[in-house]
Amino acid sequence: MVAITHDIVPFNRTEHAYAALEGLAGTMIQCYLLRLSAPVDTSLVKRVLRQLVTLYPKLRAVIEPGLHRYHFRILPDDLVVDQLFELAFEVQAHIEVDDPAAQLAWHRQCLHHVVPLEKGIGLRMWFVPHAQRPVLMFGVPHIFADGMTMIHLVKQFIQGINGLPMEAMPIEAPSMVGAIAPTHWWQWPAKVWRSRQHKVAEHRLLASVNVQQLPRQPRPNHGTSGLSQGSLPVPAADLRKAARQLGVTLNTFLTAAIAQTFLEQSPDDPKAAAVIRTSVDMRRYYPKSAGHGPMWGNHVGAFLVIEQGPGKSLQERVKSIDASIKEGQSRFARREMCWTYLVEELMPLMGRTLIGHVGVTLRRADRFPQISAHATSLGDVCAYFNPKDAAIQVAQFSAAVNSISPIMGLIEAHNELLCAMIWQESETSADDVAAFRQRLGATLARMVQEAAGG
């Protein structure tokens, strides 16, 4: 077992998987594009980003082999980090950020940037000066941060360029068992049994349905990732109103729309099913008595929403999705995800080589779990990022991360619902993704109209 010292931090189970699979997938860098509302001096941007590396030690971490397994080593905040930072920060004044197509192509190029995890530092920054609205592309490999941590990093950057205090982000590395362990030791047998029973039932259900997906041609190796950005054609306020009219959250409403769009691909197939992987923030399930802080890093779980029945009405669809989401969340709250996550806690014992071998084998046999898409929502990010009355704010935002399965990132910003889609370009064409986006937009418009009684 690796002990936490002033400079060595053990991986959690998720980070063990990232260490083994990042290179196999090409790269898993998270690229967040920020278009600012006012011009900013390049030297200020650079100075604030350098301060961020000081405040969040994982940004100056390397992955390092220990005697039996890998861990993080936090580099001293010294000359070496200064030199690495100089290489990691680039000014790219030639990028035509006023041209949406050029901006998208640039975002996709940054999405494929490879960061040597064994050397440091764990971020890349590309800045485009502009007379009115400059742009910063901020990229961090997934092994160092999940979406919540990334959002907080961006908020600290916006604080810094406005001359406001930036918060330190100290490292904690608790085992993720703490988020799934029952309250009392004697509850373990029943909780594990119920978790196992659910997993068996879920596996049986998945084997009996036809999972609806984007058109794809499986390949034995990972290729490049496609990126599609842009807003969906219904204002976020209208979507939120429709969700309230149906008595559900906006996220539930959006999940129902995604499921409906997939199911309409096979309206006459009684076995058709939309399988949506949904992210869960594990931080909320660590016991308060353990005294953990915000826990920056990777603390994400997931469950599957499996929706059947192409012919359901809007109310039936939304009600069914709402029940599935609430049940998935309640399994975490009831500590009945033990079986799934205890198996995954074996990853540190497997080691980087064996985890990578399993990943390669599953890929070549096309045996990774088949889903329709992984859907995740970051919420109203601009409301979170932008300090009240600050001179410099986030005027435009888009996010992307490489993924071995199709991923849909939903973001609310300035009354628009932004949707980023990432997929394997060797398996699915850009035209097929564009067609799906168009159908999803039509589904959302129809659902809003039906919710209003029209």
Protein backbone atom coordinates (compact mmCIF):
# COMPACT_ATOMS: atom_id res chain seq x y z
CA MET A 1 0.00 0.00 0.00
CA VAL A 2 1.35 3.43 -0.96
CA ALA A 3 1.30 5.91 1.90
CA ILE A 4 0.42 9.57 1.38
CA THR A 5 3.48 11.71 2.06
CA HIS A 6 4.27 15.32 1.25
CA ASP A 7 5.00 14.33 -2.36
CA ILE A 8 3.60 10.82 -3.02
CA VAL A 9 -0.13 10.23 -3.51
CA PRO A 10 -1.68 6.82 -4.31
CA PHE A 11 -4.08 6.30 -7.20
CA ASN A 12 -7.70 5.51 -6.55
CA ARG A 13 -9.34 2.76 -8.64
CA THR A 14 -10.33 5.17 -11.44
CA GLU A 15 -6.83 6.58 -11.71
CA HIS A 16 -5.33 3.08 -11.99
CA ALA A 17 -7.56 2.51 -15.01
CA TYR A 18 -6.62 5.86 -16.58
CA ALA A 19 -2.90 5.16 -16.09
CA ALA A 20 -3.26 1.90 -18.00
CA LEU A 21 -5.65 2.99 -20.74
CA GLU A 22 -4.72 6.60 -21.51
CA GLY A 23 -1.93 5.69 -23.91
CA LEU A 24 -3.98 2.93 -25.52
CA ALA A 25 -6.76 5.42 -26.23
CA GLY A 26 -4.25 7.90 -27.67
CA THR A 27 -4.89 10.55 -25.04
CA MET A 28 -7.67 11.40 -22.59
CA ILE A 29 -7.09 15.11 -22.22
CA GLN A 30 -10.03 17.28 -21.20
CA CYS A 31 -10.07 20.46 -23.31
CA TYR A 32 -12.15 23.39 -22.08
CA LEU A 33 -12.49 26.41 -24.37
CA LEU A 34 -13.10 29.77 -22.69
CA ARG A 35 -13.93 32.85 -24.72
CA LEU A 36 -13.58 35.88 -22.50
CA SER A 37 -15.82 38.95 -22.58
CA ALA A 38 -13.01 41.52 -22.70
CA PRO A 39 -9.38 41.73 -23.81
CA VAL A 40 -6.80 40.40 -21.35
CA ASP A 41 -3.06 40.90 -21.33
CA THR A 42 -1.20 37.72 -22.19
CA SER A 43 1.21 38.16 -19.31
CA LEU A 44 -1.71 38.28 -16.84
CA VAL A 45 -3.21 35.08 -18.28
CA LYS A 46 0.13 33.34 -18.01
CA ARG A 47 0.77 34.57 -14.47
CA VAL A 48 -2.64 33.42 -13.21
CA LEU A 49 -2.28 30.00 -14.81
CA ARG A 50 1.15 29.59 -13.21
CA GLN A 51 -0.40 30.45 -9.86
CA LEU A 52 -3.03 27.78 -10.49
CA VAL A 53 -0.26 25.19 -10.79
CA THR A 54 0.95 26.25 -7.35
CA LEU A 55 -2.54 26.15 -5.81
CA TYR A 56 -3.48 22.73 -7.20
CA PRO A 57 -0.52 20.38 -6.64
CA LYS A 58 -1.87 17.66 -8.95
CA LEU A 59 -1.22 19.94 -11.92
CA ARG A 60 2.48 19.42 -11.25
CA ALA A 61 2.17 15.68 -10.66
CA VAL A 62 3.81 12.89 -12.62
CA ILE A 63 2.82 9.24 -12.59
CA GLU A 64 5.70 7.20 -11.26
CA PRO A 65 6.29 3.45 -10.84
CA GLY A 66 6.59 2.30 -7.26
CA LEU A 67 7.85 -1.11 -6.23
CA HIS A 68 4.55 -2.83 -7.08
CA ARG A 69 2.25 -0.21 -8.59
CA TYR A 70 2.13 3.30 -9.97
CA HIS A 71 1.37 6.44 -7.96
CA PHE A 72 1.46 10.22 -8.29
CA ARG A 73 4.57 12.13 -7.33
CA ILE A 74 4.02 15.83 -6.79
CA LEU A 75 6.94 17.81 -8.17
CA PRO A 76 8.39 20.59 -6.01
CA ASP A 77 7.12 23.99 -7.10
CA ASP A 78 10.54 25.07 -8.33
CA LEU A 79 12.69 25.70 -11.40
CA VAL A 80 11.75 22.40 -13.06
CA VAL A 81 8.05 23.25 -12.92
CA ASP A 82 8.83 26.75 -14.22
CA GLN A 83 10.60 25.24 -17.22
CA LEU A 84 7.85 22.69 -17.89
CA PHE A 85 5.22 25.42 -17.61
CA GLU A 86 7.00 27.50 -20.27
CA LEU A 87 6.64 24.58 -22.69
CA ALA A 88 3.03 23.92 -21.68
CA PHE A 89 1.83 27.50 -22.30
CA GLU A 90 1.58 28.62 -25.92
CA VAL A 91 0.33 31.78 -27.60
CA GLN A 92 -1.42 30.91 -30.87
CA ALA A 93 -2.39 34.24 -32.38
CA HIS A 94 -2.92 32.68 -35.81
CA ILE A 95 -6.08 30.79 -34.82
CA GLU A 96 -9.19 32.31 -36.43
CA VAL A 97 -11.39 32.17 -33.35
CA ASP A 98 -14.10 34.32 -34.99
CA ASP A 99 -14.64 31.53 -37.54
CA PRO A 100 -16.75 28.77 -35.88
CA ALA A 101 -15.39 26.08 -38.22
CA ALA A 102 -11.78 27.09 -37.54
CA GLN A 103 -12.45 27.22 -33.81
CA LEU A 104 -13.98 23.73 -33.87
CA ALA A 105 -11.04 22.33 -35.86
CA TRP A 106 -8.64 23.89 -33.34
CA HIS A 107 -10.58 22.40 -30.43
CA ARG A 108 -10.45 18.96 -32.03
CA GLN A 109 -6.71 19.30 -32.64
CA CYS A 110 -6.11 20.20 -28.99
CA LEU A 111 -8.30 17.26 -27.96
CA HIS A 112 -5.70 14.93 -29.49
CA HIS A 113 -2.69 16.54 -27.82
CA VAL A 114 -0.64 13.93 -25.95
CA VAL A 115 0.75 14.86 -22.54
CA PRO A 116 3.61 12.64 -21.24
CA LEU A 117 2.20 11.72 -17.85
CA GLU A 118 5.53 10.40 -16.59
CA LYS A 119 7.26 13.76 -17.02
CA GLY A 120 4.82 16.54 -15.99
CA ILE A 121 3.22 18.98 -15.86
CA GLY A 122 -0.37 17.84 -16.16
CA LEU A 123 -1.89 20.57 -18.25
CA ARG A 124 -1.62 22.34 -21.58
CA MET A 125 -2.67 25.92 -22.27
CA TRP A 126 -3.19 27.61 -25.63
CA PHE A 127 -4.03 31.33 -25.62
CA VAL A 128 -5.34 33.36 -28.56
CA PRO A 129 -5.13 37.13 -27.97
CA HIS A 130 -8.01 39.13 -29.43
CA ALA A 131 -8.94 42.81 -29.48
CA GLN A 132 -12.42 42.16 -28.05
CA ARG A 133 -12.79 38.53 -26.90
CA PRO A 134 -9.65 36.44 -26.42
CA VAL A 135 -9.78 32.66 -26.09
CA LEU A 136 -8.05 30.26 -23.74
CA MET A 137 -7.96 26.51 -24.36
CA PHE A 138 -7.27 24.77 -21.06
CA GLY A 139 -6.43 21.06 -21.22
CA VAL A 140 -5.88 18.60 -18.35
CA PRO A 141 -5.48 14.81 -18.69
CA HIS A 142 -8.41 13.00 -17.08
CA ILE A 143 -6.15 11.15 -14.65
CA PHE A 144 -5.58 14.42 -12.78
CA ALA A 145 -9.14 15.75 -12.63
CA ASP A 146 -12.78 14.89 -13.20
CA GLY A 147 -15.40 17.31 -14.49
CA MET A 148 -16.16 18.88 -11.11
CA THR A 149 -12.48 19.56 -10.50
CA MET A 150 -12.08 21.01 -14.00
CA ILE A 151 -15.02 23.36 -13.47
CA HIS A 152 -13.48 24.56 -10.22
CA LEU A 153 -10.10 25.10 -11.89
CA VAL A 154 -11.75 27.28 -14.53
CA LYS A 155 -13.57 29.25 -11.83
CA GLN A 156 -10.27 29.89 -10.04
CA PHE A 157 -8.74 31.13 -13.29
CA ILE A 158 -11.60 33.60 -13.80
CA GLN A 159 -11.22 34.75 -10.21
CA GLY A 160 -7.50 35.31 -10.77
CA ILE A 161 -7.72 37.37 -13.96
CA ASN A 162 -10.27 39.60 -12.22
CA GLY A 163 -7.85 40.23 -9.36
CA LEU A 164 -9.94 38.22 -6.90
CA PRO A 165 -8.52 35.67 -4.43
CA MET A 166 -7.93 32.15 -5.75
CA GLU A 167 -8.55 29.15 -3.50
CA ALA A 168 -5.98 26.48 -2.76
CA MET A 169 -7.01 22.96 -3.79
CA PRO A 170 -5.22 20.59 -1.41
CA ILE A 171 -4.83 16.92 -2.27
CA GLU A 172 -6.83 14.20 -0.61
CA ALA A 173 -6.62 10.57 -1.69
CA PRO A 174 -9.25 8.54 0.18
CA SER A 175 -10.16 5.09 -1.04
CA MET A 176 -13.39 5.15 -2.99
CA VAL A 177 -14.59 2.29 -0.80
CA GLY A 178 -15.65 5.02 1.61
CA ALA A 179 -18.35 6.14 -0.82
CA ILE A 180 -19.92 2.68 -1.15
CA ALA A 181 -19.29 1.07 2.24
CA PRO A 182 -22.35 0.41 4.46
CA THR A 183 -22.59 2.37 7.68
CA HIS A 184 -22.10 -0.72 9.90
CA TRP A 185 -19.92 -3.77 9.33
CA TRP A 186 -22.79 -6.18 9.86
CA GLN A 187 -24.67 -4.64 6.89
CA TRP A 188 -22.05 -5.79 4.37
CA PRO A 189 -23.51 -9.24 3.49
CA ALA A 190 -27.00 -7.93 2.69
CA LYS A 191 -25.74 -4.87 0.80
CA VAL A 192 -23.32 -6.91 -1.30
CA TRP A 193 -26.02 -9.49 -2.03
CA ARG A 194 -28.52 -6.87 -3.18
CA SER A 195 -25.87 -5.18 -5.29
CA ARG A 196 -24.94 -8.50 -6.87
CA GLN A 197 -28.60 -9.33 -7.57
CA HIS A 198 -29.08 -6.02 -9.31
CA LYS A 199 -25.98 -6.58 -11.44
CA VAL A 200 -27.17 -10.03 -12.48
CA ALA A 201 -30.62 -8.71 -13.38
CA GLU A 202 -29.11 -5.82 -15.34
CA HIS A 203 -26.81 -8.19 -17.26
CA ARG A 204 -29.76 -10.44 -18.08
CA LEU A 205 -31.83 -7.48 -19.30
CA LEU A 206 -29.01 -6.13 -21.49
CA ALA A 207 -28.58 -9.56 -23.07
CA SER A 208 -32.28 -9.62 -24.03
CA VAL A 209 -32.53 -6.23 -25.78
CA ASN A 210 -31.21 -4.60 -28.94
CA VAL A 211 -29.16 -1.62 -27.78
CA GLN A 212 -29.74 1.36 -30.05
CA GLN A 213 -26.54 3.12 -31.06
CA LEU A 214 -25.11 5.52 -33.56
CA PRO A 215 -24.30 3.67 -36.79
CA ARG A 216 -20.88 2.11 -36.21
CA GLN A 217 -18.38 -0.21 -37.79
CA PRO A 218 -16.27 -1.81 -35.02
CA ARG A 219 -12.49 -1.54 -35.34
CA PRO A 220 -9.79 -3.47 -33.47
CA ASN A 221 -7.86 -0.33 -32.54
CA HIS A 222 -8.73 3.13 -31.27
CA GLY A 223 -8.66 5.84 -33.92
CA THR A 224 -9.14 9.58 -33.77
CA SER A 225 -12.07 11.21 -32.00
CA GLY A 226 -14.63 13.29 -33.83
CA LEU A 227 -15.94 16.44 -32.18
CA SER A 228 -19.26 18.14 -32.81
CA GLN A 229 -20.15 21.30 -30.90
CA GLY A 230 -23.00 23.76 -30.96
CA SER A 231 -26.33 24.58 -29.37
CA LEU A 232 -29.54 22.60 -29.69
CA PRO A 233 -32.45 24.54 -31.24
CA VAL A 234 -34.59 25.03 -28.12
CA PRO A 235 -33.83 27.75 -25.52
CA ALA A 236 -32.76 26.38 -22.16
CA ALA A 237 -35.52 28.35 -20.42
CA ASP A 238 -38.17 26.56 -22.52
CA LEU A 239 -36.63 23.18 -21.72
CA ARG A 240 -36.55 23.97 -18.01
CA LYS A 241 -40.19 25.12 -18.10
CA ALA A 242 -41.24 21.93 -19.88
CA ALA A 243 -39.40 19.83 -17.31
CA ARG A 244 -41.19 21.63 -14.48
CA GLN A 245 -44.54 21.11 -16.20
CA LEU A 246 -43.82 17.38 -16.21
CA GLY A 247 -42.58 17.39 -12.62
CA VAL A 248 -38.98 16.37 -13.36
CA THR A 249 -35.53 17.96 -13.41
CA LEU A 250 -33.99 19.37 -16.55
CA ASN A 251 -31.41 16.56 -16.56
CA THR A 252 -34.18 13.94 -16.47
CA PHE A 253 -36.00 15.71 -19.30
CA LEU A 254 -32.83 15.75 -21.42
CA THR A 255 -32.08 12.08 -20.70
CA ALA A 256 -35.63 11.23 -21.80
CA ALA A 257 -35.10 13.16 -25.05
CA ILE A 258 -31.85 11.33 -25.77
CA ALA A 259 -33.47 7.96 -25.07
CA GLN A 260 -36.49 8.81 -27.23
CA THR A 261 -34.25 9.84 -30.12
CA PHE A 262 -32.37 6.55 -30.01
CA LEU A 263 -35.55 4.49 -29.69
CA GLU A 264 -37.13 6.15 -32.71
CA GLN A 265 -34.39 4.57 -34.81
CA SER A 266 -36.23 1.22 -34.49
CA PRO A 267 -39.92 2.01 -33.91
CA ASP A 268 -41.06 -1.50 -34.85
CA ASP A 269 -38.55 -3.44 -32.74
CA PRO A 270 -40.13 -4.57 -29.45
CA LYS A 271 -36.64 -5.38 -28.13
CA ALA A 272 -35.20 -1.93 -28.86
CA ALA A 273 -33.62 -0.24 -25.85
CA ALA A 274 -31.75 2.99 -25.22
CA VAL A 275 -28.91 2.50 -22.74
CA ILE A 276 -27.66 5.78 -21.30
CA ARG A 277 -24.69 5.75 -18.94
CA THR A 278 -25.17 8.50 -16.36
CA SER A 279 -22.43 10.00 -14.20
CA VAL A 280 -22.69 10.19 -10.41
CA ASP A 281 -20.61 12.44 -8.15
CA MET A 282 -19.30 10.02 -5.52
CA ARG A 283 -18.26 12.87 -3.21
CA ARG A 284 -21.77 13.17 -1.83
CA TYR A 285 -21.63 9.59 -0.55
CA TYR A 286 -18.48 9.78 1.56
CA PRO A 287 -19.55 9.92 5.24
CA LYS A 288 -19.34 13.39 6.74
CA SER A 289 -17.86 11.84 9.86
CA ALA A 290 -14.72 10.98 7.85
CA GLY A 291 -13.95 14.70 7.63
CA HIS A 292 -13.06 14.79 3.95
CA GLY A 293 -12.73 18.11 2.17
CA PRO A 294 -13.84 18.84 -1.43
CA MET A 295 -11.66 15.95 -2.71
CA TRP A 296 -10.25 17.36 -5.93
CA GLY A 297 -9.30 14.68 -8.45
CA ASN A 298 -11.41 11.78 -9.73
CA HIS A 299 -14.45 10.75 -7.72
CA VAL A 300 -17.06 9.75 -10.30
CA GLY A 301 -19.28 6.71 -10.54
CA ALA A 302 -22.02 5.80 -12.99
CA PHE A 303 -25.16 3.75 -13.52
CA LEU A 304 -27.16 2.71 -16.57
CA VAL A 305 -30.58 4.00 -17.54
CA ILE A 306 -32.11 1.22 -19.67
CA GLU A 307 -35.25 2.45 -21.41
CA GLN A 308 -37.52 0.30 -23.57
CA GLY A 309 -40.78 0.78 -25.44
CA PRO A 310 -40.54 2.91 -28.61
CA GLY A 311 -44.29 3.67 -28.51
CA LYS A 312 -44.55 5.34 -25.10
CA SER A 313 -46.22 8.73 -24.73
CA LEU A 314 -44.23 11.74 -23.51
CA GLN A 315 -45.59 11.41 -19.98
CA GLU A 316 -44.87 7.68 -19.90
CA ARG A 317 -41.35 8.18 -21.23
CA VAL A 318 -40.44 10.92 -18.79
CA LYS A 319 -42.01 9.06 -15.86
CA SER A 320 -40.11 5.88 -16.74
CA ILE A 321 -36.78 7.70 -17.12
CA ASP A 322 -37.37 9.61 -13.88
CA ALA A 323 -37.98 6.35 -12.01
CA SER A 324 -34.82 4.78 -13.49
CA ILE A 325 -32.66 7.74 -12.54
CA LYS A 326 -34.06 7.94 -9.02
CA GLU A 327 -33.53 4.20 -8.55
CA GLY A 328 -29.95 4.44 -9.79
CA GLN A 329 -29.21 7.31 -7.43
CA SER A 330 -30.93 5.61 -4.52
CA ARG A 331 -28.76 2.51 -4.95
CA PHE A 332 -25.76 4.69 -4.20
CA ALA A 333 -27.57 6.27 -1.24
CA ARG A 334 -28.61 2.82 0.08
CA ARG A 335 -25.01 1.58 -0.33
CA GLU A 336 -26.17 -1.09 -2.76
CA MET A 337 -23.46 -0.58 -5.37
CA CYS A 338 -20.95 -2.59 -3.32
CA TRP A 339 -20.54 -5.48 -5.74
CA THR A 340 -19.78 -3.33 -8.77
CA TYR A 341 -17.28 -1.10 -7.05
CA LEU A 342 -15.63 -3.75 -4.90
CA VAL A 343 -14.76 -5.60 -8.12
CA GLU A 344 -13.32 -2.38 -9.54
CA GLU A 345 -11.32 -1.84 -6.36
CA LEU A 346 -9.27 -4.86 -7.46
CA MET A 347 -7.66 -2.71 -10.17
CA PRO A 348 -4.68 -1.73 -8.00
CA LEU A 349 -3.98 -5.44 -7.49
CA MET A 350 -4.18 -6.12 -11.23
CA GLY A 351 -1.49 -3.59 -12.09
CA ARG A 352 -1.01 -1.40 -15.12
CA THR A 353 0.09 -4.18 -17.47
CA LEU A 354 -2.84 -6.52 -16.77
CA ILE A 355 -5.40 -3.69 -16.88
CA GLY A 356 -3.99 -2.59 -20.23
CA HIS A 357 -4.02 -6.17 -21.54
CA VAL A 358 -7.69 -6.55 -20.59
CA GLY A 359 -8.45 -3.25 -22.33
CA VAL A 360 -6.66 -4.29 -25.53
CA THR A 361 -8.36 -7.69 -25.55
CA LEU A 362 -11.84 -6.23 -25.02
CA ARG A 363 -11.24 -3.67 -27.74
CA ARG A 364 -10.11 -6.16 -30.35
CA ALA A 365 -13.05 -8.44 -29.59
CA ASP A 366 -15.49 -5.48 -29.46
CA ARG A 367 -16.47 -6.60 -25.97
CA PHE A 368 -16.57 -3.28 -24.16
CA PRO A 369 -20.09 -2.77 -22.70
CA GLN A 370 -22.43 -1.64 -25.45
CA ILE A 371 -24.30 1.57 -24.64
CA SER A 372 -26.20 4.15 -26.65
CA ALA A 373 -24.16 6.99 -25.21
CA HIS A 374 -22.60 8.34 -22.05
CA ALA A 375 -24.53 11.51 -21.20
CA THR A 376 -23.25 13.98 -18.65
CA SER A 377 -24.38 17.48 -17.72
CA LEU A 378 -22.22 20.27 -16.30
CA GLY A 379 -25.19 22.54 -15.61
CA ASP A 380 -25.24 26.33 -16.00
CA VAL A 381 -21.48 26.79 -16.06
CA CYS A 382 -21.32 30.50 -16.88
CA ALA A 383 -23.45 31.34 -13.84
CA TYR A 384 -20.92 29.39 -11.77
CA PHE A 385 -17.78 30.78 -13.42
CA ASN A 386 -18.59 34.45 -13.60
CA PRO A 387 -18.09 36.60 -10.47
CA LYS A 388 -20.84 39.16 -9.99
CA ASP A 389 -20.01 42.48 -11.65
CA ALA A 390 -16.55 41.21 -12.72
CA ALA A 391 -14.94 43.04 -15.64
CA ILE A 392 -13.85 39.83 -17.36
CA GLN A 393 -16.30 36.97 -17.68
CA VAL A 394 -16.80 33.78 -19.67
CA ALA A 395 -18.75 34.77 -22.77
CA GLN A 396 -18.52 31.41 -24.55
CA PHE A 397 -17.70 27.96 -23.22
CA SER A 398 -17.28 24.53 -24.70
CA ALA A 399 -15.86 21.33 -23.26
CA ALA A 400 -14.65 18.04 -24.71
CA VAL A 401 -12.82 14.92 -23.61
CA ASN A 402 -11.68 11.88 -25.54
CA SER A 403 -13.77 8.78 -24.98
CA ILE A 404 -13.71 5.21 -26.24
CA SER A 405 -17.54 5.21 -26.33
CA PRO A 406 -19.85 7.95 -27.66
CA ILE A 407 -20.20 10.75 -25.15
CA MET A 408 -22.65 13.65 -24.99
CA GLY A 409 -21.73 16.62 -22.83
CA LEU A 410 -24.62 18.97 -22.09
CA ILE A 411 -24.00 22.51 -20.87
CA GLU A 412 -26.36 25.40 -20.18
CA ALA A 413 -24.91 28.82 -21.00
CA HIS A 414 -26.63 32.15 -21.70
CA ASN A 415 -30.02 30.43 -22.21
CA GLU A 416 -28.58 27.99 -24.74
CA LEU A 417 -28.28 24.24 -24.33
CA LEU A 418 -24.87 23.35 -25.70
CA CYS A 419 -24.19 19.78 -26.74
CA ALA A 420 -20.73 18.38 -27.37
CA MET A 421 -20.57 14.98 -29.01
CA ILE A 422 -17.39 12.90 -29.16
CA TRP A 423 -17.10 9.59 -30.98
CA GLN A 424 -14.63 7.30 -32.72
CA GLU A 425 -14.27 8.66 -36.26
CA SER A 426 -13.13 5.29 -37.64
CA GLU A 427 -16.43 3.75 -36.53
CA THR A 428 -19.05 6.44 -37.12
CA SER A 429 -19.21 9.16 -39.75
CA ALA A 430 -19.65 12.87 -39.03
CA ASP A 431 -22.79 12.82 -41.20
CA ASP A 432 -24.39 10.18 -38.97
CA VAL A 433 -23.61 12.26 -35.88
CA ALA A 434 -25.03 15.39 -37.54
CA ALA A 435 -28.19 13.48 -38.42
CA PHE A 436 -28.56 12.33 -34.81
CA ARG A 437 -28.11 15.89 -33.53
CA GLN A 438 -30.82 17.07 -35.90
CA ARG A 439 -33.20 14.34 -34.70
CA LEU A 440 -32.41 15.17 -31.06
CA GLY A 441 -33.22 18.84 -31.68
CA ALA A 442 -36.52 17.88 -33.27
CA THR A 443 -37.30 15.56 -30.34
CA LEU A 444 -36.66 18.34 -27.81
CA ALA A 445 -38.86 20.79 -29.73
CA ARG A 446 -41.66 18.24 -29.93
CA MET A 447 -41.39 17.38 -26.22
CA VAL A 448 -41.55 21.06 -25.23
CA GLN A 449 -44.66 21.53 -27.38
CA GLU A 450 -46.34 18.40 -25.94
CA ALA A 451 -45.50 19.44 -22.36
CA ALA A 452 -47.21 22.77 -23.01
CA GLY A 453 -50.32 20.92 -24.18
CA GLY A 454 -49.81 21.82 -27.82
